[in-house]
């Protein structure tokens, strides 16, 4: 095992160069991985039109569901008075 006292300029230079080589290699690998992912995303179609259709569809489905619930609760309330129409409470 080498200690700092045994570190010669040649050893330090060699260790420094090895570290720089390792950093350069890692940088090239990460750059290539990023470039590959970027190319895949660049070739993909724009998702905006599909997302817009999905949002509009969900909006209308939710609105229709709420309307059915409101209509259903109104018809149950109308049936309870037996006349088929809503009757306002008399003010006394």
C-alpha atoms as a PDB file:
ATOM      1  CA  UNK A   1       0.000   0.000   0.000  1.00  0.00           C
ATOM      2  CA  UNK A   2       1.357   3.383  -0.951  1.00  0.00           C
ATOM      3  CA  UNK A   3       1.222   6.318   1.382  1.00  0.00           C
ATOM      4  CA  UNK A   4       1.447   9.979   0.577  1.00  0.00           C
ATOM      5  CA  UNK A   5       5.151   9.916   1.485  1.00  0.00           C
ATOM      6  CA  UNK A   6       5.778   7.328  -1.242  1.00  0.00           C
ATOM      7  CA  UNK A   7       3.789   9.201  -3.916  1.00  0.00           C
ATOM      8  CA  UNK A   8       6.182  10.166  -6.648  1.00  0.00           C
ATOM      9  CA  UNK A   9       5.381  12.754  -9.285  1.00  0.00           C
ATOM     10  CA  UNK A  10       5.211   9.985 -11.891  1.00  0.00           C
ATOM     11  CA  UNK A  11       2.747   7.983  -9.796  1.00  0.00           C
ATOM     12  CA  UNK A  12       0.587  11.056  -9.141  1.00  0.00           C
ATOM     13  CA  UNK A  13       0.599  11.977 -12.821  1.00  0.00           C
ATOM     14  CA  UNK A  14      -0.339   8.437 -13.775  1.00  0.00           C
ATOM     15  CA  UNK A  15      -3.148   8.284 -11.197  1.00  0.00           C
ATOM     16  CA  UNK A  16      -4.435  11.697 -12.292  1.00  0.00           C
ATOM     17  CA  UNK A  17      -4.415  10.656 -15.961  1.00  0.00           C
ATOM     18  CA  UNK A  18      -6.240   7.417 -15.127  1.00  0.00           C
ATOM     19  CA  UNK A  19      -8.931   9.369 -13.284  1.00  0.00           C
ATOM     20  CA  UNK A  20      -9.302  11.816 -16.189  1.00  0.00           C
ATOM     21  CA  UNK A  21      -9.578   8.883 -18.622  1.00  0.00           C
ATOM     22  CA  UNK A  22     -12.292   7.281 -16.470  1.00  0.00           C
ATOM     23  CA  UNK A  23     -14.239  10.563 -16.286  1.00  0.00           C
ATOM     24  CA  UNK A  24     -13.955  11.034 -20.042  1.00  0.00           C
ATOM     25  CA  UNK A  25     -15.191   7.496 -20.689  1.00  0.00           C
ATOM     26  CA  UNK A  26     -18.136   7.959 -18.313  1.00  0.00           C
ATOM     27  CA  UNK A  27     -18.983  11.302 -19.925  1.00  0.00           C
ATOM     28  CA  UNK A  28     -19.026   9.755 -23.414  1.00  0.00           C
ATOM     29  CA  UNK A  29     -21.277   6.921 -22.243  1.00  0.00           C
ATOM     30  CA  UNK A  30     -23.761   9.292 -20.615  1.00  0.00           C
ATOM     31  CA  UNK A  31     -23.730  11.616 -23.639  1.00  0.00           C
ATOM     32  CA  UNK A  32     -24.467   8.698 -25.968  1.00  0.00           C
ATOM     33  CA  UNK A  33     -27.284   7.462 -23.729  1.00  0.00           C
ATOM     34  CA  UNK A  34     -28.841  10.940 -23.643  1.00  0.00           C
ATOM     35  CA  UNK A  35     -28.514  11.344 -27.415  1.00  0.00           C
ATOM     36  CA  UNK A  36     -30.154   7.955 -27.993  1.00  0.00           C
ATOM     37  CA  UNK A  37     -33.092   8.831 -25.718  1.00  0.00           C
ATOM     38  CA  UNK A  38     -33.416  12.252 -27.363  1.00  0.00           C
ATOM     39  CA  UNK A  39     -33.553  10.736 -30.845  1.00  0.00           C
ATOM     40  CA  UNK A  40     -36.309   8.336 -29.781  1.00  0.00           C
ATOM     41  CA  UNK A  41     -38.355  11.175 -28.300  1.00  0.00           C
ATOM     42  CA  UNK A  42     -37.757  13.424 -31.312  1.00  0.00           C
ATOM     43  CA  UNK A  43     -39.160  10.745 -33.631  1.00  0.00           C
ATOM     44  CA  UNK A  44     -42.262  10.202 -31.501  1.00  0.00           C
ATOM     45  CA  UNK A  45     -45.478  11.921 -32.647  1.00  0.00           C
ATOM     46  CA  UNK A  46     -46.746  14.991 -30.819  1.00  0.00           C
ATOM     47  CA  UNK A  47     -49.048  13.786 -28.008  1.00  0.00           C
ATOM     48  CA  UNK A  48     -50.980  17.068 -27.744  1.00  0.00           C
ATOM     49  CA  UNK A  49     -53.855  16.211 -30.146  1.00  0.00           C
ATOM     50  CA  UNK A  50     -54.516  12.875 -28.428  1.00  0.00           C
ATOM     51  CA  UNK A  51     -54.348  14.418 -24.969  1.00  0.00           C
ATOM     52  CA  UNK A  52     -56.724  17.183 -26.032  1.00  0.00           C
ATOM     53  CA  UNK A  53     -59.277  14.641 -27.301  1.00  0.00           C
ATOM     54  CA  UNK A  54     -58.952  12.640 -24.074  1.00  0.00           C
ATOM     55  CA  UNK A  55     -59.513  15.701 -21.891  1.00  0.00           C
ATOM     56  CA  UNK A  56     -62.562  16.801 -23.887  1.00  0.00           C
ATOM     57  CA  UNK A  57     -63.994  13.276 -23.762  1.00  0.00           C
ATOM     58  CA  UNK A  58     -63.517  13.039 -19.994  1.00  0.00           C
ATOM     59  CA  UNK A  59     -65.117  16.476 -19.575  1.00  0.00           C
ATOM     60  CA  UNK A  60     -68.237  15.494 -21.541  1.00  0.00           C
ATOM     61  CA  UNK A  61     -68.513  12.081 -19.864  1.00  0.00           C
ATOM     62  CA  UNK A  62     -68.279  13.701 -16.431  1.00  0.00           C
ATOM     63  CA  UNK A  63     -70.817  16.360 -17.361  1.00  0.00           C
ATOM     64  CA  UNK A  64     -73.245  13.757 -18.732  1.00  0.00           C
ATOM     65  CA  UNK A  65     -72.823  11.618 -15.631  1.00  0.00           C
ATOM     66  CA  UNK A  66     -73.616  14.575 -13.381  1.00  0.00           C
ATOM     67  CA  UNK A  67     -76.635  15.475 -15.530  1.00  0.00           C
ATOM     68  CA  UNK A  68     -77.953  11.899 -15.254  1.00  0.00           C
ATOM     69  CA  UNK A  69     -77.573  12.021 -11.481  1.00  0.00           C
ATOM     70  CA  UNK A  70     -79.403  15.350 -11.272  1.00  0.00           C
ATOM     71  CA  UNK A  71     -82.202  14.158 -13.561  1.00  0.00           C
ATOM     72  CA  UNK A  72     -82.464  10.918 -11.589  1.00  0.00           C
ATOM     73  CA  UNK A  73     -82.734  12.704  -8.246  1.00  0.00           C
ATOM     74  CA  UNK A  74     -85.326  15.145  -9.667  1.00  0.00           C
ATOM     75  CA  UNK A  75     -87.492  12.308 -11.011  1.00  0.00           C
ATOM     76  CA  UNK A  76     -87.389  10.495  -7.662  1.00  0.00           C
ATOM     77  CA  UNK A  77     -88.439  13.688  -5.904  1.00  0.00           C
ATOM     78  CA  UNK A  78     -91.288  14.193  -8.430  1.00  0.00           C
ATOM     79  CA  UNK A  79     -92.580  10.650  -7.925  1.00  0.00           C
ATOM     80  CA  UNK A  80     -92.790  11.140  -4.198  1.00  0.00           C
ATOM     81  CA  UNK A  81     -95.645  13.678  -4.444  1.00  0.00           C
ATOM     82  CA  UNK A  82     -97.605  11.439  -6.833  1.00  0.00           C
ATOM     83  CA  UNK A  83     -98.373  14.114  -9.423  1.00  0.00           C
ATOM     84  CA  UNK A  84     -95.320  13.857 -11.643  1.00  0.00           C
ATOM     85  CA  UNK A  85     -94.513  17.519 -11.092  1.00  0.00           C
ATOM     86  CA  UNK A  86     -92.767  19.358  -8.352  1.00  0.00           C
ATOM     87  CA  UNK A  87     -94.855  21.021  -5.726  1.00  0.00           C
ATOM     88  CA  UNK A  88     -93.571  24.051  -3.854  1.00  0.00           C
ATOM     89  CA  UNK A  89     -94.169  24.190  -0.139  1.00  0.00           C
ATOM     90  CA  UNK A  90     -96.936  26.591   0.846  1.00  0.00           C
ATOM     91  CA  UNK A  91     -95.853  29.631   2.812  1.00  0.00           C
ATOM     92  CA  UNK A  92     -97.927  30.106   5.787  1.00  0.00           C
END
